[in-house]
C-alpha atoms as a PDB file:
ATOM      1  CA  MET A   1      88.238  62.818  76.131  1.00  0.00           C
ATOM      2  CA  TYR A   2      88.928  60.254  78.895  1.00  0.00           C
ATOM      3  CA  PHE A   3      91.835  58.205  77.615  1.00  0.00           C
ATOM      4  CA  ASN A   4      94.211  56.957  80.262  1.00  0.00           C
ATOM      5  CA  LYS A   5      98.034  56.666  80.310  1.00  0.00           C
ATOM      6  CA  ASN A   6     100.620  54.554  81.967  1.00  0.00           C
ATOM      7  CA  ASN A   7      99.383  51.338  80.241  1.00  0.00           C
ATOM      8  CA  ASN A   8      95.974  51.483  81.869  1.00  0.00           C
ATOM      9  CA  PHE A   9      94.342  52.313  78.650  1.00  0.00           C
ATOM     10  CA  PHE A  10      91.952  50.063  76.787  1.00  0.00           C
ATOM     11  CA  HIS A  11      93.095  49.685  73.261  1.00  0.00           C
ATOM     12  CA  GLY A  12      89.806  48.043  72.019  1.00  0.00           C
ATOM     13  CA  ILE A  13      86.037  48.426  72.248  1.00  0.00           C
ATOM     14  CA  VAL A  14      84.003  45.302  72.216  1.00  0.00           C
ATOM     15  CA  PHE A  15      80.576  45.151  70.425  1.00  0.00           C
ATOM     16  CA  HIS A  16      78.050  42.331  70.532  1.00  0.00           C
ATOM     17  CA  GLN A  17      74.379  43.169  70.095  1.00  0.00           C
ATOM     18  CA  PHE A  18      72.823  45.570  67.540  1.00  0.00           C
ATOM     19  CA  HIS A  19      69.062  46.292  66.990  1.00  0.00           C
ATOM     20  CA  ASP A  20      67.084  47.869  64.188  1.00  0.00           C
ATOM     21  CA  ASN A  21      63.516  48.475  63.204  1.00  0.00           C
ATOM     22  CA  GLY A  22      63.384  45.227  61.341  1.00  0.00           C
ATOM     23  CA  ILE A  23      64.196  41.567  62.353  1.00  0.00           C
ATOM     24  CA  HIS A  24      66.916  42.613  65.029  1.00  0.00           C
ATOM     25  CA  THR A  25      64.890  43.449  68.114  1.00  0.00           C
ATOM     26  CA  LYS A  26      66.025  45.695  70.764  1.00  0.00           C
ATOM     27  CA  GLY A  27      67.164  43.889  73.959  1.00  0.00           C
ATOM     28  CA  GLN A  28      69.430  44.073  76.948  1.00  0.00           C
ATOM     29  CA  GLY A  29      72.688  45.652  75.778  1.00  0.00           C
ATOM     30  CA  SER A  30      71.934  46.099  72.204  1.00  0.00           C
ATOM     31  CA  ILE A  31      72.492  49.460  70.407  1.00  0.00           C
ATOM     32  CA  SER A  32      71.070  50.996  67.327  1.00  0.00           C
ATOM     33  CA  LYS A  33      72.999  52.286  64.318  1.00  0.00           C
ATOM     34  CA  ASP A  34      72.529  55.789  65.500  1.00  0.00           C
ATOM     35  CA  GLU A  35      74.005  54.855  68.975  1.00  0.00           C
ATOM     36  CA  PHE A  36      76.846  53.223  67.167  1.00  0.00           C
ATOM     37  CA  HIS A  37      77.629  56.390  65.187  1.00  0.00           C
ATOM     38  CA  LYS A  38      77.426  58.480  68.437  1.00  0.00           C
ATOM     39  CA  ILE A  39      79.960  56.158  70.173  1.00  0.00           C
ATOM     40  CA  ILE A  40      82.379  56.615  67.348  1.00  0.00           C
ATOM     41  CA  ASN A  41      81.886  60.373  67.209  1.00  0.00           C
ATOM     42  CA  PHE A  42      82.514  60.373  71.089  1.00  0.00           C
ATOM     43  CA  ILE A  43      85.690  58.356  70.689  1.00  0.00           C
ATOM     44  CA  GLY A  44      86.932  60.401  67.661  1.00  0.00           C
ATOM     45  CA  ARG A  45      87.025  58.871  64.300  1.00  0.00           C
ATOM     46  CA  GLU A  46      90.706  60.060  64.163  1.00  0.00           C
ATOM     47  CA  ASN A  47      91.649  57.814  67.172  1.00  0.00           C
ATOM     48  CA  ILE A  48      90.298  54.588  65.598  1.00  0.00           C
ATOM     49  CA  LEU A  49      92.693  52.675  63.655  1.00  0.00           C
ATOM     50  CA  ASP A  50      92.024  50.014  60.953  1.00  0.00           C
ATOM     51  CA  SER A  51      92.541  46.478  62.304  1.00  0.00           C
ATOM     52  CA  ASP A  52      95.726  45.841  60.036  1.00  0.00           C
ATOM     53  CA  VAL A  53      97.382  49.188  61.153  1.00  0.00           C
ATOM     54  CA  PHE A  54      96.475  48.504  64.824  1.00  0.00           C
ATOM     55  CA  PHE A  55      98.145  45.040  64.522  1.00  0.00           C
ATOM     56  CA  GLU A  56     101.240  46.430  62.944  1.00  0.00           C
ATOM     57  CA  LYS A  57     101.578  49.370  65.451  1.00  0.00           C
ATOM     58  CA  TYR A  58     100.889  47.102  68.385  1.00  0.00           C
ATOM     59  CA  ASN A  59     103.608  44.669  67.254  1.00  0.00           C
ATOM     60  CA  ASN A  60     106.127  47.481  66.552  1.00  0.00           C
ATOM     61  CA  ASN A  61     105.395  49.032  69.975  1.00  0.00           C
ATOM     62  CA  THR A  62     104.342  52.399  68.181  1.00  0.00           C
ATOM     63  CA  LEU A  63     100.630  52.469  69.386  1.00  0.00           C
ATOM     64  CA  LYS A  64      99.761  55.743  71.034  1.00  0.00           C
ATOM     65  CA  ASN A  65      97.653  56.063  74.221  1.00  0.00           C
ATOM     66  CA  ASN A  66      94.715  57.375  72.284  1.00  0.00           C
ATOM     67  CA  GLU A  67      94.543  54.799  69.375  1.00  0.00           C
ATOM     68  CA  LEU A  68      92.264  51.871  69.535  1.00  0.00           C
ATOM     69  CA  CYS A  69      90.375  49.471  67.349  1.00  0.00           C
ATOM     70  CA  LEU A  70      86.702  48.296  67.178  1.00  0.00           C
ATOM     71  CA  THR A  71      86.190  44.698  67.812  1.00  0.00           C
ATOM     72  CA  PHE A  72      83.171  42.393  67.426  1.00  0.00           C
ATOM     73  CA  ASP A  73      82.668  39.048  69.138  1.00  0.00           C
ATOM     74  CA  ASP A  74      80.411  36.046  68.632  1.00  0.00           C
ATOM     75  CA  ALA A  75      79.542  36.162  64.972  1.00  0.00           C
ATOM     76  CA  ILE A  76      75.999  37.623  65.463  1.00  0.00           C
ATOM     77  CA  LYS A  77      74.074  38.508  62.175  1.00  0.00           C
ATOM     78  CA  CYS A  78      73.056  41.868  63.566  1.00  0.00           C
ATOM     79  CA  GLN A  79      76.604  42.854  63.314  1.00  0.00           C
ATOM     80  CA  ILE A  80      76.489  42.355  59.581  1.00  0.00           C
ATOM     81  CA  ASP A  81      73.122  43.841  59.054  1.00  0.00           C
ATOM     82  CA  VAL A  82      73.455  46.924  61.355  1.00  0.00           C
ATOM     83  CA  ALA A  83      77.171  47.570  62.293  1.00  0.00           C
ATOM     84  CA  LEU A  84      78.995  46.750  59.076  1.00  0.00           C
ATOM     85  CA  PRO A  85      77.222  49.311  56.977  1.00  0.00           C
ATOM     86  CA  VAL A  86      78.356  52.091  59.505  1.00  0.00           C
ATOM     87  CA  LEU A  87      81.941  50.774  59.342  1.00  0.00           C
ATOM     88  CA  GLU A  88      81.931  50.741  55.469  1.00  0.00           C
ATOM     89  CA  GLU A  89      80.400  54.295  55.477  1.00  0.00           C
ATOM     90  CA  LEU A  90      83.228  55.608  57.776  1.00  0.00           C
ATOM     91  CA  LYS A  91      85.702  53.338  56.022  1.00  0.00           C
ATOM     92  CA  ILE A  92      86.755  51.610  59.365  1.00  0.00           C
ATOM     93  CA  LYS A  93      88.227  48.075  59.263  1.00  0.00           C
ATOM     94  CA  SER A  94      87.580  46.146  62.167  1.00  0.00           C
ATOM     95  CA  PHE A  95      88.152  42.923  64.066  1.00  0.00           C
ATOM     96  CA  PHE A  96      85.578  40.205  64.044  1.00  0.00           C
ATOM     97  CA  PHE A  97      85.930  37.297  66.339  1.00  0.00           C
ATOM     98  CA  ILE A  98      84.130  34.150  65.377  1.00  0.00           C
ATOM     99  CA  TYR A  99      83.525  30.884  66.893  1.00  0.00           C
ATOM    100  CA  THR A 100      82.946  28.146  64.361  1.00  0.00           C
ATOM    101  CA  SER A 101      80.611  25.368  65.521  1.00  0.00           C
ATOM    102  CA  MET A 102      77.896  27.145  63.939  1.00  0.00           C
ATOM    103  CA  PHE A 103      79.168  26.287  60.439  1.00  0.00           C
ATOM    104  CA  GLU A 104      78.703  22.643  61.383  1.00  0.00           C
ATOM    105  CA  GLY A 105      75.052  23.307  62.208  1.00  0.00           C
ATOM    106  CA  LYS A 106      75.807  23.426  66.030  1.00  0.00           C
ATOM    107  CA  PRO A 107      75.793  27.188  67.022  1.00  0.00           C
ATOM    108  CA  ASP A 108      76.336  28.024  70.743  1.00  0.00           C
ATOM    109  CA  ASN A 109      73.061  28.151  72.369  1.00  0.00           C
ATOM    110  CA  LEU A 110      74.228  31.232  74.343  1.00  0.00           C
ATOM    111  CA  GLU A 111      72.784  33.658  71.598  1.00  0.00           C
ATOM    112  CA  VAL A 112      69.632  31.470  71.237  1.00  0.00           C
ATOM    113  CA  PHE A 113      69.041  31.826  74.925  1.00  0.00           C
ATOM    114  CA  ARG A 114      69.671  35.585  74.915  1.00  0.00           C
ATOM    115  CA  TYR A 115      67.176  36.083  72.098  1.00  0.00           C
ATOM    116  CA  PHE A 116      64.611  33.919  73.962  1.00  0.00           C
ATOM    117  CA  ARG A 117      65.049  35.966  77.217  1.00  0.00           C
ATOM    118  CA  MET A 118      64.872  39.309  75.395  1.00  0.00           C
ATOM    119  CA  ASN A 119      61.808  38.627  73.431  1.00  0.00           C
ATOM    120  CA  PHE A 120      59.630  36.322  75.318  1.00  0.00           C
ATOM    121  CA  PHE A 121      59.683  38.211  78.577  1.00  0.00           C
ATOM    122  CA  ASP A 122      58.642  41.775  79.333  1.00  0.00           C
ATOM    123  CA  GLU A 123      61.841  42.452  81.092  1.00  0.00           C
ATOM    124  CA  VAL A 124      64.884  40.511  82.060  1.00  0.00           C
ATOM    125  CA  ASN A 125      64.381  40.189  85.701  1.00  0.00           C
ATOM    126  CA  GLN A 126      61.054  38.575  84.820  1.00  0.00           C
ATOM    127  CA  PHE A 127      63.018  35.845  82.980  1.00  0.00           C
ATOM    128  CA  TYR A 128      65.457  35.520  85.931  1.00  0.00           C
ATOM    129  CA  ASN A 129      62.601  34.787  88.307  1.00  0.00           C
ATOM    130  CA  SER A 130      61.081  32.290  85.906  1.00  0.00           C
ATOM    131  CA  PHE A 131      64.448  30.630  85.431  1.00  0.00           C
ATOM    132  CA  TYR A 132      64.994  30.190  89.168  1.00  0.00           C
ATOM    133  CA  LYS A 133      61.501  28.419  89.495  1.00  0.00           C
ATOM    134  CA  PHE A 134      63.168  25.501  87.512  1.00  0.00           C
ATOM    135  CA  VAL A 135      66.286  25.467  89.521  1.00  0.00           C
ATOM    136  CA  ASP A 136      65.894  22.678  92.070  1.00  0.00           C
ATOM    137  CA  LYS A 137      68.727  23.862  94.388  1.00  0.00           C
ATOM    138  CA  ASP A 138      68.950  26.067  97.557  1.00  0.00           C
ATOM    139  CA  LEU A 139      69.560  29.266  95.558  1.00  0.00           C
ATOM    140  CA  ASN A 140      69.517  31.480  99.043  1.00  0.00           C
ATOM    141  CA  THR A 141      72.410  29.624 100.488  1.00  0.00           C
ATOM    142  CA  PHE A 142      74.190  29.708  97.116  1.00  0.00           C
ATOM    143  CA  PHE A 143      73.895  33.413  96.678  1.00  0.00           C
ATOM    144  CA  LYS A 144      74.930  33.927 100.313  1.00  0.00           C
ATOM    145  CA  ASN A 145      78.081  31.866  99.748  1.00  0.00           C
ATOM    146  CA  ILE A 146      79.054  33.725  96.741  1.00  0.00           C
ATOM    147  CA  GLU A 147      78.907  37.266  97.841  1.00  0.00           C
ATOM    148  CA  LYS A 148      82.641  37.707  96.968  1.00  0.00           C
ATOM    149  CA  GLU A 149      82.052  36.294  93.655  1.00  0.00           C
ATOM    150  CA  ILE A 150      79.227  38.642  92.932  1.00  0.00           C
ATOM    151  CA  LYS A 151      81.250  41.525  94.017  1.00  0.00           C
ATOM    152  CA  SER A 152      84.176  40.646  91.799  1.00  0.00           C
ATOM    153  CA  PHE A 153      81.885  39.995  88.975  1.00  0.00           C
ATOM    154  CA  LEU A 154      80.437  43.564  89.257  1.00  0.00           C
ATOM    155  CA  GLN A 155      83.887  45.099  89.351  1.00  0.00           C
ATOM    156  CA  LYS A 156      84.925  43.243  86.263  1.00  0.00           C
ATOM    157  CA  PHE A 157      81.681  43.839  84.373  1.00  0.00           C
ATOM    158  CA  PRO A 158      80.318  47.369  85.718  1.00  0.00           C
ATOM    159  CA  HIS A 159      77.786  47.370  82.961  1.00  0.00           C
ATOM    160  CA  CYS A 160      76.079  44.484  84.627  1.00  0.00           C
ATOM    161  CA  SER A 161      73.338  44.495  87.218  1.00  0.00           C
ATOM    162  CA  GLU A 162      73.556  42.431  90.614  1.00  0.00           C
ATOM    163  CA  GLU A 163      70.709  40.287  89.032  1.00  0.00           C
ATOM    164  CA  ASP A 164      72.834  39.821  85.865  1.00  0.00           C
ATOM    165  CA  ALA A 165      75.641  38.614  88.136  1.00  0.00           C
ATOM    166  CA  LYS A 166      73.609  36.137  90.174  1.00  0.00           C
ATOM    167  CA  PHE A 167      72.196  34.583  86.863  1.00  0.00           C
ATOM    168  CA  ARG A 168      75.458  34.125  85.324  1.00  0.00           C
ATOM    169  CA  LEU A 169      77.210  32.731  88.404  1.00  0.00           C
ATOM    170  CA  THR A 170      74.097  30.385  88.783  1.00  0.00           C
ATOM    171  CA  ARG A 171      74.679  29.316  85.240  1.00  0.00           C
ATOM    172  CA  ASP A 172      78.448  28.865  85.529  1.00  0.00           C
ATOM    173  CA  LEU A 173      79.001  27.794  89.141  1.00  0.00           C
ATOM    174  CA  LEU A 174      75.909  26.068  90.418  1.00  0.00           C
ATOM    175  CA  LEU A 175      74.606  24.320  87.460  1.00  0.00           C
ATOM    176  CA  THR A 176      76.328  22.037  84.851  1.00  0.00           C
ATOM    177  CA  LYS A 177      76.097  22.974  81.230  1.00  0.00           C
ATOM    178  CA  GLN A 178      73.712  20.114  80.901  1.00  0.00           C
ATOM    179  CA  GLU A 179      71.380  21.211  83.762  1.00  0.00           C
ATOM    180  CA  TYR A 180      71.457  24.877  82.516  1.00  0.00           C
ATOM    181  CA  GLU A 181      70.551  23.979  78.914  1.00  0.00           C
ATOM    182  CA  GLN A 182      67.828  21.558  80.063  1.00  0.00           C
ATOM    183  CA  ILE A 183      66.147  24.349  81.931  1.00  0.00           C
ATOM    184  CA  MET A 184      66.404  26.680  78.962  1.00  0.00           C
ATOM    185  CA  PHE A 185      65.016  24.029  76.575  1.00  0.00           C
ATOM    186  CA  LEU A 186      62.163  23.406  78.979  1.00  0.00           C
ATOM    187  CA  MET A 187      61.332  27.090  79.195  1.00  0.00           C
ATOM    188  CA  MET A 188      61.505  27.529  75.485  1.00  0.00           C
ATOM    189  CA  LYS A 189      59.354  24.760  74.838  1.00  0.00           C
ATOM    190  CA  GLU A 190      56.724  26.157  77.472  1.00  0.00           C
ATOM    191  CA  LYS A 191      56.767  29.419  75.394  1.00  0.00           C
ATOM    192  CA  LYS A 192      56.599  27.499  72.105  1.00  0.00           C
ATOM    193  CA  PHE A 193      59.765  29.126  70.881  1.00  0.00           C
ATOM    194  CA  GLU A 194      61.124  27.155  67.910  1.00  0.00           C
ATOM    195  CA  TYR A 195      64.665  28.288  68.119  1.00  0.00           C
ATOM    196  CA  LYS A 196      66.147  26.446  65.100  1.00  0.00           C
ATOM    197  CA  ASP A 197      63.825  28.527  62.783  1.00  0.00           C
ATOM    198  CA  PHE A 198      65.727  31.684  64.089  1.00  0.00           C
ATOM    199  CA  TYR A 199      69.325  30.500  63.184  1.00  0.00           C
ATOM    200  CA  PRO A 200      69.494  32.561  59.865  1.00  0.00           C
ATOM    201  CA  ARG A 201      68.650  35.721  61.631  1.00  0.00           C
ATOM    202  CA  LEU A 202      70.862  35.139  64.610  1.00  0.00           C
ATOM    203  CA  PHE A 203      74.273  33.697  63.282  1.00  0.00           C
ATOM    204  CA  PHE A 204      76.916  34.519  60.501  1.00  0.00           C
ATOM    205  CA  SER A 205      76.873  32.541  57.459  1.00  0.00           C
ATOM    206  CA  ARG A 206      79.998  31.331  55.710  1.00  0.00           C
ATOM    207  CA  GLU A 207      79.293  34.028  53.036  1.00  0.00           C
ATOM    208  CA  ASP A 208      79.263  36.728  55.775  1.00  0.00           C
ATOM    209  CA  VAL A 209      82.882  35.560  56.873  1.00  0.00           C
ATOM    210  CA  LYS A 210      84.000  35.655  53.367  1.00  0.00           C
ATOM    211  CA  LYS A 211      82.494  39.140  52.911  1.00  0.00           C
ATOM    212  CA  LEU A 212      84.182  40.638  55.913  1.00  0.00           C
ATOM    213  CA  ASP A 213      87.568  39.313  54.658  1.00  0.00           C
ATOM    214  CA  THR A 214      86.994  40.668  51.143  1.00  0.00           C
ATOM    215  CA  LEU A 215      86.105  44.075  52.526  1.00  0.00           C
ATOM    216  CA  GLY A 216      89.451  44.219  54.340  1.00  0.00           C
ATOM    217  CA  HIS A 217      88.216  43.534  57.970  1.00  0.00           C
ATOM    218  CA  SER A 218      90.368  41.084  60.054  1.00  0.00           C
ATOM    219  CA  VAL A 219      88.727  37.840  60.955  1.00  0.00           C
ATOM    220  CA  GLY A 220      89.931  36.034  64.119  1.00  0.00           C
ATOM    221  CA  LEU A 221      89.633  33.117  66.561  1.00  0.00           C
ATOM    222  CA  HIS A 222      86.936  33.031  69.287  1.00  0.00           C
ATOM    223  CA  SER A 223      87.159  29.283  69.944  1.00  0.00           C
ATOM    224  CA  HIS A 224      85.036  26.476  68.374  1.00  0.00           C
ATOM    225  CA  THR A 225      82.121  25.742  70.575  1.00  0.00           C
ATOM    226  CA  HIS A 226      82.386  29.055  72.718  1.00  0.00           C
ATOM    227  CA  PRO A 227      82.694  27.563  76.199  1.00  0.00           C
ATOM    228  CA  THR A 228      81.631  30.200  78.887  1.00  0.00           C
ATOM    229  CA  LEU A 229      84.725  29.125  80.968  1.00  0.00           C
ATOM    230  CA  ILE A 230      87.296  27.963  78.638  1.00  0.00           C
ATOM    231  CA  GLU A 231      89.933  28.191  81.350  1.00  0.00           C
ATOM    232  CA  LYS A 232      88.275  25.205  83.294  1.00  0.00           C
ATOM    233  CA  LEU A 233      88.964  23.011  80.291  1.00  0.00           C
ATOM    234  CA  ASN A 234      92.228  20.862  80.461  1.00  0.00           C
ATOM    235  CA  TYR A 235      94.998  21.742  77.915  1.00  0.00           C
ATOM    236  CA  ASN A 236      94.028  19.269  75.324  1.00  0.00           C
ATOM    237  CA  ASP A 237      90.461  20.254  75.296  1.00  0.00           C
ATOM    238  CA  GLN A 238      91.501  24.145  74.891  1.00  0.00           C
ATOM    239  CA  LYS A 239      93.918  23.098  72.199  1.00  0.00           C
ATOM    240  CA  ILE A 240      91.179  21.427  70.220  1.00  0.00           C
ATOM    241  CA  GLU A 241      88.875  24.323  70.557  1.00  0.00           C
ATOM    242  CA  TYR A 242      91.292  26.867  69.145  1.00  0.00           C
ATOM    243  CA  GLU A 243      92.834  24.447  66.550  1.00  0.00           C
ATOM    244  CA  LYS A 244      89.427  23.637  65.155  1.00  0.00           C
ATOM    245  CA  CYS A 245      88.457  27.261  65.097  1.00  0.00           C
ATOM    246  CA  GLN A 246      91.575  28.367  63.195  1.00  0.00           C
ATOM    247  CA  ALA A 247      91.274  25.460  60.806  1.00  0.00           C
ATOM    248  CA  SER A 248      87.508  26.091  60.100  1.00  0.00           C
ATOM    249  CA  LEU A 249      88.147  29.894  59.406  1.00  0.00           C
ATOM    250  CA  ALA A 250      91.069  29.070  57.178  1.00  0.00           C
ATOM    251  CA  ASN A 251      89.046  26.637  55.214  1.00  0.00           C
ATOM    252  CA  ILE A 252      86.229  29.158  54.761  1.00  0.00           C
ATOM    253  CA  LEU A 253      88.716  31.894  53.687  1.00  0.00           C
ATOM    254  CA  ASN A 254      90.824  29.604  51.615  1.00  0.00           C
ATOM    255  CA  LYS A 255      93.839  30.533  53.618  1.00  0.00           C
ATOM    256  CA  ASN A 256      96.551  28.751  55.546  1.00  0.00           C
ATOM    257  CA  ASN A 257      95.873  28.224  59.219  1.00  0.00           C
ATOM    258  CA  ASN A 258      99.009  30.383  60.155  1.00  0.00           C
ATOM    259  CA  GLU A 259      97.354  33.344  58.198  1.00  0.00           C
ATOM    260  CA  ILE A 260      94.908  33.836  60.964  1.00  0.00           C
ATOM    261  CA  LYS A 261      97.006  35.494  63.769  1.00  0.00           C
ATOM    262  CA  CYS A 262      94.174  37.277  66.001  1.00  0.00           C
ATOM    263  CA  MET A 263      91.778  36.297  68.404  1.00  0.00           C
ATOM    264  CA  SER A 264      89.456  37.338  71.455  1.00  0.00           C
ATOM    265  CA  HIS A 265      88.881  35.206  74.698  1.00  0.00           C
ATOM    266  CA  PRO A 266      85.357  34.043  74.922  1.00  0.00           C
ATOM    267  CA  CYS A 267      83.521  35.426  77.829  1.00  0.00           C
ATOM    268  CA  GLY A 268      87.020  36.905  78.776  1.00  0.00           C
ATOM    269  CA  SER A 269      88.001  33.413  79.939  1.00  0.00           C
ATOM    270  CA  TYR A 270      91.629  32.194  79.782  1.00  0.00           C
ATOM    271  CA  ASN A 271      94.596  30.920  81.924  1.00  0.00           C
ATOM    272  CA  GLN A 272      98.283  30.490  81.334  1.00  0.00           C
ATOM    273  CA  GLU A 273      97.761  27.273  79.279  1.00  0.00           C
ATOM    274  CA  THR A 274      95.476  29.194  77.032  1.00  0.00           C
ATOM    275  CA  LEU A 275      98.167  31.714  76.245  1.00  0.00           C
ATOM    276  CA  LYS A 276     100.664  28.960  75.681  1.00  0.00           C
ATOM    277  CA  ILE A 277      98.366  27.164  73.164  1.00  0.00           C
ATOM    278  CA  LEU A 278      97.496  30.372  71.294  1.00  0.00           C
ATOM    279  CA  LYS A 279     101.309  30.997  70.821  1.00  0.00           C
ATOM    280  CA  GLU A 280     101.790  27.554  69.579  1.00  0.00           C
ATOM    281  CA  ILE A 281      99.436  28.085  66.891  1.00  0.00           C
ATOM    282  CA  GLY A 282     100.786  31.217  65.730  1.00  0.00           C
ATOM    283  CA  ILE A 283      98.395  33.732  67.376  1.00  0.00           C
ATOM    284  CA  GLU A 284     100.144  37.009  67.764  1.00  0.00           C
ATOM    285  CA  LEU A 285      97.303  39.345  69.038  1.00  0.00           C
ATOM    286  CA  GLY A 286      94.675  38.679  71.660  1.00  0.00           C
ATOM    287  CA  PHE A 287      91.964  40.642  73.322  1.00  0.00           C
ATOM    288  CA  LYS A 288      90.495  40.073  76.731  1.00  0.00           C
ATOM    289  CA  GLN A 289      87.133  41.587  77.707  1.00  0.00           C
ATOM    290  CA  ILE A 290      87.734  43.621  80.996  1.00  0.00           C
ATOM    291  CA  MET A 291      89.808  46.518  82.369  1.00  0.00           C
ATOM    292  CA  THR A 292      90.725  45.090  85.690  1.00  0.00           C
ATOM    293  CA  ILE A 293      94.079  43.539  86.716  1.00  0.00           C
ATOM    294  CA  GLU A 294      93.348  39.845  87.427  1.00  0.00           C
ATOM    295  CA  LYS A 295      96.057  38.559  89.876  1.00  0.00           C
ATOM    296  CA  GLU A 296      94.942  34.990  89.437  1.00  0.00           C
ATOM    297  CA  LYS A 297      96.035  35.285  85.834  1.00  0.00           C
ATOM    298  CA  ARG A 298      99.365  36.593  86.793  1.00  0.00           C
ATOM    299  CA  MET A 299      98.705  40.046  85.357  1.00  0.00           C
ATOM    300  CA  ASN A 300     100.828  43.000  86.420  1.00  0.00           C
ATOM    301  CA  LYS A 301      99.050  45.737  84.271  1.00  0.00           C
ATOM    302  CA  VAL A 302      95.852  46.155  82.233  1.00  0.00           C
ATOM    303  CA  ASN A 303      97.512  45.445  78.945  1.00  0.00           C
ATOM    304  CA  ASN A 304      99.376  42.524  80.389  1.00  0.00           C
ATOM    305  CA  SER A 305     100.720  40.959  77.038  1.00  0.00           C
ATOM    306  CA  SER A 306     100.161  40.946  73.231  1.00  0.00           C
ATOM    307  CA  LEU A 307      97.472  38.188  74.066  1.00  0.00           C
ATOM    308  CA  GLU A 308      95.845  40.188  76.845  1.00  0.00           C
ATOM    309  CA  ILE A 309      94.915  43.481  75.377  1.00  0.00           C
ATOM    310  CA  ALA A 310      92.085  45.300  77.319  1.00  0.00           C
ATOM    311  CA  ARG A 311      88.888  46.150  75.742  1.00  0.00           C
ATOM    312  CA  GLN A 312      86.103  48.419  77.178  1.00  0.00           C
ATOM    313  CA  ASP A 313      82.604  47.054  76.444  1.00  0.00           C
ATOM    314  CA  HIS A 314      80.521  49.548  74.524  1.00  0.00           C
ATOM    315  CA  ALA A 315      78.060  50.087  77.406  1.00  0.00           C
ATOM    316  CA  GLY A 316      80.950  51.581  79.424  1.00  0.00           C
ATOM    317  CA  ILE A 317      81.346  54.257  76.659  1.00  0.00           C
ATOM    318  CA  LEU A 318      77.692  54.998  76.654  1.00  0.00           C
ATOM    319  CA  ARG A 319      77.710  55.410  80.452  1.00  0.00           C
ATOM    320  CA  ARG A 320      80.519  58.101  79.947  1.00  0.00           C
ATOM    321  CA  MET A 321      78.728  59.642  77.344  1.00  0.00           C
ATOM    322  CA  LYS A 322      75.694  60.484  79.702  1.00  0.00           C
ATOM    323  CA  LYS A 323      77.952  61.915  82.405  1.00  0.00           C
END
């Protein structure tokens, strides 16, 4: 076992994509039911706490170094179809962090775009090359100017490749959201991808959220519209993102807003204003996405606060399993 001590330990594992032999196709970063089982066995079922127990032990400062929880981000339908049956079989109650604009018929396009690049291209670098043909900017100069950012990105997200880093930084730093989405929609039109037809197989329904709650899993915030860089929003816009998310989930679950007390930061993005907002709306437990100490976020340790609990991406676990 490779658990760390001295507060340099991740207390959560974050999962996103799963695939099966049916409608959920295999793609970059996705895992199967069998791989999910193997990760749990590698970690040790005895080290995995139910979400409510984890919440209580963390708040009481009684969490042991070897104890962790399983978390799921982005409300992706494959989590219900592939991962949930495994969790129920092994009697593991987990955290599911959900953004809520999808319940207004406006899901974040991030998952639509991911599905497109995984299913309409032979491999992801082919997609990147096609994407760059639509970018009417000097990419060579841009990549040269962001060498430090690429290096930092790869340190924070070691499961990603350099090409992944370049694409995400192009998306987030070089292009506006409007420019990025315009390119993606042009590419999808070119491939005749009718993305709205795929909403039911890509995203949670309201009934899925209710099902998770009824089964005893913990449902938490992941913002309303899932900005990739929420830290770049001003205080009021950030507050709207989290207040809308909290109100929407409370409405679906027939609960009071203050009964929803956990969250995860979308794409690991937040700042000091984010933390202030979360405290103001009664959030007690928050998960970040990476294991590094980010000085720009005034962090002194990996698990810096109750709203900055470190998580290991499942891809990092798989790499260790292969060593």
